[in-house]
Amino acid sequence: MTPSDEDINSLLKAWTVPPSPSSLEDRLRSAYRDRTRARSTRWFRNWVSTLTPAAGMFAGITAGAVVFLLVVTQAFPQAFGQTLAALSGTTYPFTVDYEEIEYKADGSPAIRELFTMGRAQAADGGLVLSSEFPGDPLRTAQQRILDPLNLVLYWVETPVRERLLARSQARIDALKARNPDLARRMAERERTCGSSLTGPPWTTVGTETILNYATTGNQKVWMEEGKPVRLTEWQAPDLQCVTLKSTTEKTFGDGRLRPAFERRALKVTVNADATATKR
């Protein structure tokens, strides 16, 4: 007997799809990222394998250097620490100690990371010299092995980086010579760290004194999943416009922007030969 349309409609109305667990979407996203990352890694390995034997030799030398560095770090921590301190002192006019805070949905803060950053010049993004993760001793121990390696690699590549920065500066100087308005705005940016050079979506929102340094606040707003996110950075003209505080605010369930992340400077250390103005 063939069921009628009415019987089929009654059956469909009686049958409902069981609700999916709330974590299903997270698991699907995670699985997709892992699958994509695995494909990218496999593609990269295949690409590397097609290179000349010199590439393999270079990779072996690099790996050996890393192992050697780790052994030296563990065997002679004091001497190696003094060497790194010497490199830091000659490379960075100043260093900044930061803490990075994450705010939970209820507004309670939790320190995610404590780190020290050095910056050689304004055009350089800087380098994290050391970091630790409160409440995660294993990750902190791993990072303390990697931090010296980052500093040594940064020092090794300094000549190349300086040549690139010099070329970039030469192009900027040529642009400034041809465009007086650009030159004026760049000078204003260096003097105040305001948004006169970057422009929209950045806007200057005020000034604030942080650790006895005058800072200028620049802010931008964008949308994530249809909800506004606001980033505010407070930068110090006397420290090459380095950011001494930044706050990221997100829209929570009540529809209001509230702090989600914050990075703030705890201490600024200026070296004796620093070109930055001391406090």
C-alpha atoms as a PDB file:
ATOM      1  CA  MET A   1       0.000   0.000   0.000  1.00  0.00           C
ATOM      2  CA  THR A   2       1.383   3.355  -1.035  1.00  0.00           C
ATOM      3  CA  PRO A   3       1.118   6.018   1.709  1.00  0.00           C
ATOM      4  CA  SER A   4      -0.787   9.131   0.802  1.00  0.00           C
ATOM      5  CA  ASP A   5       0.645  12.635   0.838  1.00  0.00           C
ATOM      6  CA  GLU A   6      -1.330  13.320   3.987  1.00  0.00           C
ATOM      7  CA  ASP A   7       0.251  10.299   5.735  1.00  0.00           C
ATOM      8  CA  ILE A   8       3.753  11.460   4.717  1.00  0.00           C
ATOM      9  CA  ASN A   9       3.095  15.015   5.936  1.00  0.00           C
ATOM     10  CA  SER A  10       1.896  13.693   9.303  1.00  0.00           C
ATOM     11  CA  LEU A  11       5.035  11.561   9.601  1.00  0.00           C
ATOM     12  CA  LEU A  12       7.328  14.516   8.817  1.00  0.00           C
ATOM     13  CA  LYS A  13       5.588  16.701  11.384  1.00  0.00           C
ATOM     14  CA  ALA A  14       5.995  14.015  14.041  1.00  0.00           C
ATOM     15  CA  TRP A  15       9.741  13.575  13.381  1.00  0.00           C
ATOM     16  CA  THR A  16      12.191  16.212  14.670  1.00  0.00           C
ATOM     17  CA  VAL A  17      15.960  16.443  14.416  1.00  0.00           C
ATOM     18  CA  PRO A  18      17.640  15.952  17.806  1.00  0.00           C
ATOM     19  CA  PRO A  19      19.488  19.104  18.988  1.00  0.00           C
ATOM     20  CA  SER A  20      23.227  19.186  18.257  1.00  0.00           C
ATOM     21  CA  PRO A  21      25.642  19.742  21.162  1.00  0.00           C
ATOM     22  CA  SER A  22      26.854  23.311  21.645  1.00  0.00           C
ATOM     23  CA  SER A  23      30.450  22.214  21.097  1.00  0.00           C
ATOM     24  CA  LEU A  24      29.770  20.799  17.615  1.00  0.00           C
ATOM     25  CA  GLU A  25      30.608  24.023  15.792  1.00  0.00           C
ATOM     26  CA  ASP A  26      33.849  24.428  17.775  1.00  0.00           C
ATOM     27  CA  ARG A  27      34.875  20.855  16.951  1.00  0.00           C
ATOM     28  CA  LEU A  28      34.106  21.353  13.265  1.00  0.00           C
ATOM     29  CA  ARG A  29      36.126  24.579  13.152  1.00  0.00           C
ATOM     30  CA  SER A  30      39.034  22.961  14.970  1.00  0.00           C
ATOM     31  CA  ALA A  31      38.968  19.915  12.681  1.00  0.00           C
ATOM     32  CA  TYR A  32      38.921  22.132   9.606  1.00  0.00           C
ATOM     33  CA  ARG A  33      41.883  24.178  10.854  1.00  0.00           C
ATOM     34  CA  ASP A  34      43.859  21.050  11.719  1.00  0.00           C
ATOM     35  CA  ARG A  35      43.118  19.531   8.303  1.00  0.00           C
ATOM     36  CA  THR A  36      44.082  22.740   6.533  1.00  0.00           C
ATOM     37  CA  ARG A  37      47.251  23.063   8.590  1.00  0.00           C
ATOM     38  CA  ALA A  38      48.187  19.451   7.855  1.00  0.00           C
ATOM     39  CA  ARG A  39      47.734  20.020   4.129  1.00  0.00           C
ATOM     40  CA  SER A  40      49.852  23.188   4.289  1.00  0.00           C
ATOM     41  CA  THR A  41      52.572  21.381   6.241  1.00  0.00           C
ATOM     42  CA  ARG A  42      52.554  18.440   3.824  1.00  0.00           C
ATOM     43  CA  TRP A  43      52.756  20.828   0.859  1.00  0.00           C
ATOM     44  CA  PHE A  44      55.659  22.656   2.474  1.00  0.00           C
ATOM     45  CA  ARG A  45      57.553  19.428   3.145  1.00  0.00           C
ATOM     46  CA  ASN A  46      57.062  18.310  -0.452  1.00  0.00           C
ATOM     47  CA  TRP A  47      58.225  21.701  -1.695  1.00  0.00           C
ATOM     48  CA  VAL A  48      61.329  21.627   0.477  1.00  0.00           C
ATOM     49  CA  SER A  49      62.177  18.099  -0.683  1.00  0.00           C
ATOM     50  CA  THR A  50      62.348  19.331  -4.292  1.00  0.00           C
ATOM     51  CA  LEU A  51      65.040  21.878  -3.468  1.00  0.00           C
ATOM     52  CA  THR A  52      68.734  21.276  -4.061  1.00  0.00           C
ATOM     53  CA  PRO A  53      70.849  19.283  -1.593  1.00  0.00           C
ATOM     54  CA  ALA A  54      72.235  22.618  -0.383  1.00  0.00           C
ATOM     55  CA  ALA A  55      68.893  23.311   1.238  1.00  0.00           C
ATOM     56  CA  GLY A  56      69.143  20.107   3.221  1.00  0.00           C
ATOM     57  CA  MET A  57      72.693  20.974   4.214  1.00  0.00           C
ATOM     58  CA  PHE A  58      71.581  24.410   5.378  1.00  0.00           C
ATOM     59  CA  ALA A  59      68.703  22.908   7.343  1.00  0.00           C
ATOM     60  CA  GLY A  60      71.100  20.466   9.001  1.00  0.00           C
ATOM     61  CA  ILE A  61      73.514  23.231   9.919  1.00  0.00           C
ATOM     62  CA  THR A  62      70.671  25.320  11.319  1.00  0.00           C
ATOM     63  CA  ALA A  63      69.339  22.412  13.358  1.00  0.00           C
ATOM     64  CA  GLY A  64      72.832  21.702  14.662  1.00  0.00           C
ATOM     65  CA  ALA A  65      73.257  25.327  15.643  1.00  0.00           C
ATOM     66  CA  VAL A  66      69.973  25.256  17.514  1.00  0.00           C
ATOM     67  CA  VAL A  67      70.940  22.089  19.405  1.00  0.00           C
ATOM     68  CA  PHE A  68      74.366  23.559  20.188  1.00  0.00           C
ATOM     69  CA  LEU A  69      72.758  26.744  21.453  1.00  0.00           C
ATOM     70  CA  LEU A  70      70.369  24.822  23.697  1.00  0.00           C
ATOM     71  CA  VAL A  71      73.234  22.729  25.134  1.00  0.00           C
ATOM     72  CA  VAL A  72      75.350  25.815  25.808  1.00  0.00           C
ATOM     73  CA  THR A  73      72.390  27.569  27.389  1.00  0.00           C
ATOM     74  CA  GLN A  74      71.810  24.716  29.824  1.00  0.00           C
ATOM     75  CA  ALA A  75      75.493  23.966  30.512  1.00  0.00           C
ATOM     76  CA  PHE A  76      76.684  27.545  31.007  1.00  0.00           C
ATOM     77  CA  PRO A  77      73.608  29.580  31.966  1.00  0.00           C
ATOM     78  CA  GLN A  78      75.527  32.358  33.743  1.00  0.00           C
ATOM     79  CA  ALA A  79      78.090  32.978  30.988  1.00  0.00           C
ATOM     80  CA  PHE A  80      75.455  32.714  28.297  1.00  0.00           C
ATOM     81  CA  GLY A  81      73.198  35.087  30.219  1.00  0.00           C
ATOM     82  CA  GLN A  82      76.006  37.638  30.398  1.00  0.00           C
ATOM     83  CA  THR A  83      76.546  37.349  26.646  1.00  0.00           C
ATOM     84  CA  LEU A  84      72.849  37.885  25.989  1.00  0.00           C
ATOM     85  CA  ALA A  85      72.794  40.833  28.356  1.00  0.00           C
ATOM     86  CA  ALA A  86      75.679  42.367  26.432  1.00  0.00           C
ATOM     87  CA  LEU A  87      73.834  41.848  23.146  1.00  0.00           C
ATOM     88  CA  SER A  88      70.684  43.378  24.616  1.00  0.00           C
ATOM     89  CA  GLY A  89      72.502  46.356  26.010  1.00  0.00           C
ATOM     90  CA  THR A  90      74.204  47.221  22.746  1.00  0.00           C
ATOM     91  CA  THR A  91      71.171  46.570  20.571  1.00  0.00           C
ATOM     92  CA  TYR A  92      68.287  48.282  22.340  1.00  0.00           C
ATOM     93  CA  PRO A  93      68.155  51.906  23.503  1.00  0.00           C
ATOM     94  CA  PHE A  94      65.378  50.907  25.880  1.00  0.00           C
ATOM     95  CA  THR A  95      63.330  47.921  26.963  1.00  0.00           C
ATOM     96  CA  VAL A  96      59.759  47.754  28.219  1.00  0.00           C
ATOM     97  CA  ASP A  97      58.307  45.225  30.656  1.00  0.00           C
ATOM     98  CA  TYR A  98      54.670  44.383  29.878  1.00  0.00           C
ATOM     99  CA  GLU A  99      51.819  42.386  31.274  1.00  0.00           C
ATOM    100  CA  GLU A 100      49.048  41.037  29.073  1.00  0.00           C
ATOM    101  CA  ILE A 101      45.631  40.628  30.662  1.00  0.00           C
ATOM    102  CA  GLU A 102      42.538  38.775  29.484  1.00  0.00           C
ATOM    103  CA  TYR A 103      39.134  39.721  30.862  1.00  0.00           C
ATOM    104  CA  LYS A 104      36.546  37.007  31.304  1.00  0.00           C
ATOM    105  CA  ALA A 105      32.860  37.415  30.467  1.00  0.00           C
ATOM    106  CA  ASP A 106      32.139  38.480  34.052  1.00  0.00           C
ATOM    107  CA  GLY A 107      34.818  41.202  33.832  1.00  0.00           C
ATOM    108  CA  SER A 108      37.373  39.493  36.090  1.00  0.00           C
ATOM    109  CA  PRO A 109      40.992  39.859  34.867  1.00  0.00           C
ATOM    110  CA  ALA A 110      43.615  37.137  34.460  1.00  0.00           C
ATOM    111  CA  ILE A 111      47.272  37.719  33.572  1.00  0.00           C
ATOM    112  CA  ARG A 112      48.104  35.696  30.463  1.00  0.00           C
ATOM    113  CA  GLU A 113      51.742  36.703  29.930  1.00  0.00           C
ATOM    114  CA  LEU A 114      54.570  38.821  31.332  1.00  0.00           C
ATOM    115  CA  PHE A 115      57.253  39.775  28.833  1.00  0.00           C
ATOM    116  CA  THR A 116      60.071  42.207  28.075  1.00  0.00           C
ATOM    117  CA  MET A 117      60.426  43.816  24.656  1.00  0.00           C
ATOM    118  CA  GLY A 118      63.358  45.670  23.138  1.00  0.00           C
ATOM    119  CA  ARG A 119      63.234  48.035  20.190  1.00  0.00           C
ATOM    120  CA  ALA A 120      66.272  49.234  18.279  1.00  0.00           C
ATOM    121  CA  GLN A 121      64.650  51.974  16.196  1.00  0.00           C
ATOM    122  CA  ALA A 122      61.257  53.344  15.271  1.00  0.00           C
ATOM    123  CA  ALA A 123      61.077  51.435  11.973  1.00  0.00           C
ATOM    124  CA  ASP A 124      61.814  48.172  13.772  1.00  0.00           C
ATOM    125  CA  GLY A 125      58.903  46.262  15.257  1.00  0.00           C
ATOM    126  CA  GLY A 126      60.988  45.182  18.243  1.00  0.00           C
ATOM    127  CA  LEU A 127      61.736  41.777  19.717  1.00  0.00           C
ATOM    128  CA  VAL A 128      60.440  39.933  22.773  1.00  0.00           C
ATOM    129  CA  LEU A 129      63.543  39.298  24.888  1.00  0.00           C
ATOM    130  CA  SER A 130      61.951  37.149  27.575  1.00  0.00           C
ATOM    131  CA  SER A 131      58.498  36.033  28.603  1.00  0.00           C
ATOM    132  CA  GLU A 132      56.705  33.911  31.176  1.00  0.00           C
ATOM    133  CA  PHE A 133      53.190  32.568  31.526  1.00  0.00           C
ATOM    134  CA  PRO A 134      51.786  32.697  35.064  1.00  0.00           C
ATOM    135  CA  GLY A 135      50.121  29.440  36.000  1.00  0.00           C
ATOM    136  CA  ASP A 136      51.812  27.538  33.151  1.00  0.00           C
ATOM    137  CA  PRO A 137      55.334  26.522  34.275  1.00  0.00           C
ATOM    138  CA  LEU A 138      55.833  24.095  31.384  1.00  0.00           C
ATOM    139  CA  ARG A 139      55.207  26.734  28.736  1.00  0.00           C
ATOM    140  CA  THR A 140      57.397  29.180  30.658  1.00  0.00           C
ATOM    141  CA  ALA A 141      60.255  26.656  30.745  1.00  0.00           C
ATOM    142  CA  GLN A 142      59.943  26.055  27.011  1.00  0.00           C
ATOM    143  CA  GLN A 143      59.904  29.768  26.296  1.00  0.00           C
ATOM    144  CA  ARG A 144      63.033  30.372  28.361  1.00  0.00           C
ATOM    145  CA  ILE A 145      64.871  28.027  26.028  1.00  0.00           C
ATOM    146  CA  LEU A 146      63.527  29.784  22.925  1.00  0.00           C
ATOM    147  CA  ASP A 147      64.074  33.369  24.115  1.00  0.00           C
ATOM    148  CA  PRO A 148      67.901  33.253  23.875  1.00  0.00           C
ATOM    149  CA  LEU A 149      67.625  31.669  20.432  1.00  0.00           C
ATOM    150  CA  ASN A 150      65.362  34.483  19.244  1.00  0.00           C
ATOM    151  CA  LEU A 151      67.842  37.071  20.471  1.00  0.00           C
ATOM    152  CA  VAL A 152      70.826  35.393  18.806  1.00  0.00           C
ATOM    153  CA  LEU A 153      68.968  34.988  15.507  1.00  0.00           C
ATOM    154  CA  TYR A 154      67.882  38.625  15.700  1.00  0.00           C
ATOM    155  CA  TRP A 155      71.495  39.656  16.237  1.00  0.00           C
ATOM    156  CA  VAL A 156      72.734  37.462  13.367  1.00  0.00           C
ATOM    157  CA  GLU A 157      70.272  38.977  10.903  1.00  0.00           C
ATOM    158  CA  THR A 158      70.943  42.554  12.036  1.00  0.00           C
ATOM    159  CA  PRO A 159      73.182  43.486   9.047  1.00  0.00           C
ATOM    160  CA  VAL A 160      70.515  42.358   6.549  1.00  0.00           C
ATOM    161  CA  ARG A 161      67.743  44.059   8.479  1.00  0.00           C
ATOM    162  CA  GLU A 162      69.701  47.297   8.712  1.00  0.00           C
ATOM    163  CA  ARG A 163      70.333  47.304   4.955  1.00  0.00           C
ATOM    164  CA  LEU A 164      66.624  46.808   4.285  1.00  0.00           C
ATOM    165  CA  LEU A 165      65.708  49.573   6.716  1.00  0.00           C
ATOM    166  CA  ALA A 166      68.252  51.886   5.101  1.00  0.00           C
ATOM    167  CA  ARG A 167      66.747  51.255   1.667  1.00  0.00           C
ATOM    168  CA  SER A 168      63.264  51.837   3.038  1.00  0.00           C
ATOM    169  CA  GLN A 169      64.381  55.077   4.651  1.00  0.00           C
ATOM    170  CA  ALA A 170      65.947  56.228   1.386  1.00  0.00           C
ATOM    171  CA  ARG A 171      62.630  55.662  -0.425  1.00  0.00           C
ATOM    172  CA  ILE A 172      60.767  57.524   2.311  1.00  0.00           C
ATOM    173  CA  ASP A 173      63.183  60.446   2.092  1.00  0.00           C
ATOM    174  CA  ALA A 174      62.644  60.586  -1.679  1.00  0.00           C
ATOM    175  CA  LEU A 175      58.859  60.599  -1.190  1.00  0.00           C
ATOM    176  CA  LYS A 176      59.117  63.363   1.402  1.00  0.00           C
ATOM    177  CA  ALA A 177      61.244  65.432  -0.956  1.00  0.00           C
ATOM    178  CA  ARG A 178      58.589  65.138  -3.675  1.00  0.00           C
ATOM    179  CA  ASN A 179      55.594  65.560  -1.372  1.00  0.00           C
ATOM    180  CA  PRO A 180      55.880  68.366   1.215  1.00  0.00           C
ATOM    181  CA  ASP A 181      52.465  67.509   2.686  1.00  0.00           C
ATOM    182  CA  LEU A 182      53.577  63.936   3.363  1.00  0.00           C
ATOM    183  CA  ALA A 183      56.787  65.235   4.938  1.00  0.00           C
ATOM    184  CA  ARG A 184      54.758  67.526   7.201  1.00  0.00           C
ATOM    185  CA  ARG A 185      52.420  64.742   8.303  1.00  0.00           C
ATOM    186  CA  MET A 186      55.312  62.360   8.972  1.00  0.00           C
ATOM    187  CA  ALA A 187      57.036  64.992  11.102  1.00  0.00           C
ATOM    188  CA  GLU A 188      53.807  65.525  13.019  1.00  0.00           C
ATOM    189  CA  ARG A 189      53.481  61.784  13.534  1.00  0.00           C
ATOM    190  CA  GLU A 190      57.022  61.556  14.934  1.00  0.00           C
ATOM    191  CA  ARG A 191      56.414  64.537  17.226  1.00  0.00           C
ATOM    192  CA  THR A 192      53.033  63.514  18.648  1.00  0.00           C
ATOM    193  CA  CYS A 193      52.443  59.837  17.640  1.00  0.00           C
ATOM    194  CA  GLY A 194      49.002  60.980  16.482  1.00  0.00           C
ATOM    195  CA  SER A 195      46.971  59.609  13.597  1.00  0.00           C
ATOM    196  CA  SER A 196      47.767  62.494  11.234  1.00  0.00           C
ATOM    197  CA  LEU A 197      49.814  60.131   9.056  1.00  0.00           C
ATOM    198  CA  THR A 198      47.761  56.931   9.211  1.00  0.00           C
ATOM    199  CA  GLY A 199      44.330  58.552   9.025  1.00  0.00           C
ATOM    200  CA  PRO A 200      41.074  56.548   8.886  1.00  0.00           C
ATOM    201  CA  PRO A 201      40.150  54.195  10.401  1.00  0.00           C
ATOM    202  CA  TRP A 202      42.519  55.495  13.087  1.00  0.00           C
ATOM    203  CA  THR A 203      41.552  58.591  15.072  1.00  0.00           C
ATOM    204  CA  THR A 204      43.381  60.378  17.888  1.00  0.00           C
ATOM    205  CA  VAL A 205      41.313  60.275  21.076  1.00  0.00           C
ATOM    206  CA  GLY A 206      43.439  62.131  23.645  1.00  0.00           C
ATOM    207  CA  THR A 207      46.577  62.003  25.752  1.00  0.00           C
ATOM    208  CA  GLU A 208      47.610  60.195  28.911  1.00  0.00           C
ATOM    209  CA  THR A 209      50.728  60.020  31.084  1.00  0.00           C
ATOM    210  CA  ILE A 210      51.988  56.466  31.606  1.00  0.00           C
ATOM    211  CA  LEU A 211      55.081  55.740  33.734  1.00  0.00           C
ATOM    212  CA  ASN A 212      55.910  59.471  33.534  1.00  0.00           C
ATOM    213  CA  TYR A 213      55.871  59.403  29.732  1.00  0.00           C
ATOM    214  CA  ALA A 214      53.387  61.468  27.756  1.00  0.00           C
ATOM    215  CA  THR A 215      51.403  59.271  25.371  1.00  0.00           C
ATOM    216  CA  THR A 216      48.908  59.851  22.576  1.00  0.00           C
ATOM    217  CA  GLY A 217      45.853  57.621  22.249  1.00  0.00           C
ATOM    218  CA  ASN A 218      44.892  56.337  18.792  1.00  0.00           C
ATOM    219  CA  GLN A 219      41.759  54.300  18.254  1.00  0.00           C
ATOM    220  CA  LYS A 220      40.043  52.293  15.539  1.00  0.00           C
ATOM    221  CA  VAL A 221      36.795  50.330  15.367  1.00  0.00           C
ATOM    222  CA  TRP A 222      35.919  47.389  13.118  1.00  0.00           C
ATOM    223  CA  MET A 223      33.276  44.675  12.939  1.00  0.00           C
ATOM    224  CA  GLU A 224      33.641  41.008  13.895  1.00  0.00           C
ATOM    225  CA  GLU A 225      30.646  38.747  13.301  1.00  0.00           C
ATOM    226  CA  GLY A 226      28.454  41.808  13.018  1.00  0.00           C
ATOM    227  CA  LYS A 227      29.582  43.262  16.361  1.00  0.00           C
ATOM    228  CA  PRO A 228      31.925  46.225  16.874  1.00  0.00           C
ATOM    229  CA  VAL A 229      35.445  45.780  18.269  1.00  0.00           C
ATOM    230  CA  ARG A 230      37.458  48.767  19.473  1.00  0.00           C
ATOM    231  CA  LEU A 231      41.250  48.946  19.802  1.00  0.00           C
ATOM    232  CA  THR A 232      42.956  51.842  21.589  1.00  0.00           C
ATOM    233  CA  GLU A 233      46.763  52.248  21.696  1.00  0.00           C
ATOM    234  CA  TRP A 234      48.672  54.772  23.814  1.00  0.00           C
ATOM    235  CA  GLN A 235      52.049  55.590  22.243  1.00  0.00           C
ATOM    236  CA  ALA A 236      54.971  57.587  23.660  1.00  0.00           C
ATOM    237  CA  PRO A 237      56.740  60.139  21.398  1.00  0.00           C
ATOM    238  CA  ASP A 238      59.842  60.084  23.631  1.00  0.00           C
ATOM    239  CA  LEU A 239      60.141  56.318  23.074  1.00  0.00           C
ATOM    240  CA  GLN A 240      59.897  56.131  19.274  1.00  0.00           C
ATOM    241  CA  CYS A 241      56.086  55.959  19.533  1.00  0.00           C
ATOM    242  CA  VAL A 242      56.247  52.589  21.273  1.00  0.00           C
ATOM    243  CA  THR A 243      52.879  51.473  22.684  1.00  0.00           C
ATOM    244  CA  LEU A 244      52.784  51.625  26.482  1.00  0.00           C
ATOM    245  CA  LYS A 245      49.161  50.537  26.783  1.00  0.00           C
ATOM    246  CA  SER A 246      46.604  48.985  24.477  1.00  0.00           C
ATOM    247  CA  THR A 247      43.046  47.864  25.150  1.00  0.00           C
ATOM    248  CA  THR A 248      40.812  45.683  23.001  1.00  0.00           C
ATOM    249  CA  GLU A 249      37.110  46.018  23.720  1.00  0.00           C
ATOM    250  CA  LYS A 250      34.507  43.611  22.368  1.00  0.00           C
ATOM    251  CA  THR A 251      30.717  43.567  22.354  1.00  0.00           C
ATOM    252  CA  PHE A 252      29.367  41.130  24.939  1.00  0.00           C
ATOM    253  CA  GLY A 253      25.883  39.737  25.469  1.00  0.00           C
ATOM    254  CA  ASP A 254      24.523  42.950  26.974  1.00  0.00           C
ATOM    255  CA  GLY A 255      25.351  44.808  23.744  1.00  0.00           C
ATOM    256  CA  ARG A 256      27.985  47.029  25.338  1.00  0.00           C
ATOM    257  CA  LEU A 257      31.689  47.302  24.554  1.00  0.00           C
ATOM    258  CA  ARG A 258      33.741  45.994  27.454  1.00  0.00           C
ATOM    259  CA  PRO A 259      37.479  45.209  27.843  1.00  0.00           C
ATOM    260  CA  ALA A 260      38.471  41.817  26.508  1.00  0.00           C
ATOM    261  CA  PHE A 261      42.276  42.172  26.415  1.00  0.00           C
ATOM    262  CA  GLU A 262      44.745  44.697  27.749  1.00  0.00           C
ATOM    263  CA  ARG A 263      48.483  45.124  27.397  1.00  0.00           C
ATOM    264  CA  ARG A 264      50.189  47.624  29.655  1.00  0.00           C
ATOM    265  CA  ALA A 265      53.749  48.620  30.432  1.00  0.00           C
ATOM    266  CA  LEU A 266      55.008  47.961  33.951  1.00  0.00           C
ATOM    267  CA  LYS A 267      58.505  49.407  33.605  1.00  0.00           C
ATOM    268  CA  VAL A 268      60.649  51.247  31.071  1.00  0.00           C
ATOM    269  CA  THR A 269      64.431  50.745  31.266  1.00  0.00           C
ATOM    270  CA  VAL A 270      66.541  53.212  29.286  1.00  0.00           C
ATOM    271  CA  ASN A 271      70.158  52.261  28.529  1.00  0.00           C
ATOM    272  CA  ALA A 272      72.948  54.682  29.273  1.00  0.00           C
ATOM    273  CA  ASP A 273      73.589  55.441  25.584  1.00  0.00           C
ATOM    274  CA  ALA A 274      69.893  55.640  24.693  1.00  0.00           C
ATOM    275  CA  THR A 275      68.705  58.263  22.259  1.00  0.00           C
ATOM    276  CA  ALA A 276      65.227  58.219  23.800  1.00  0.00           C
ATOM    277  CA  THR A 277      64.461  60.835  26.412  1.00  0.00           C
ATOM    278  CA  LYS A 278      64.770  59.597  29.965  1.00  0.00           C
ATOM    279  CA  ARG A 279      62.104  59.973  32.553  1.00  0.00           C
END
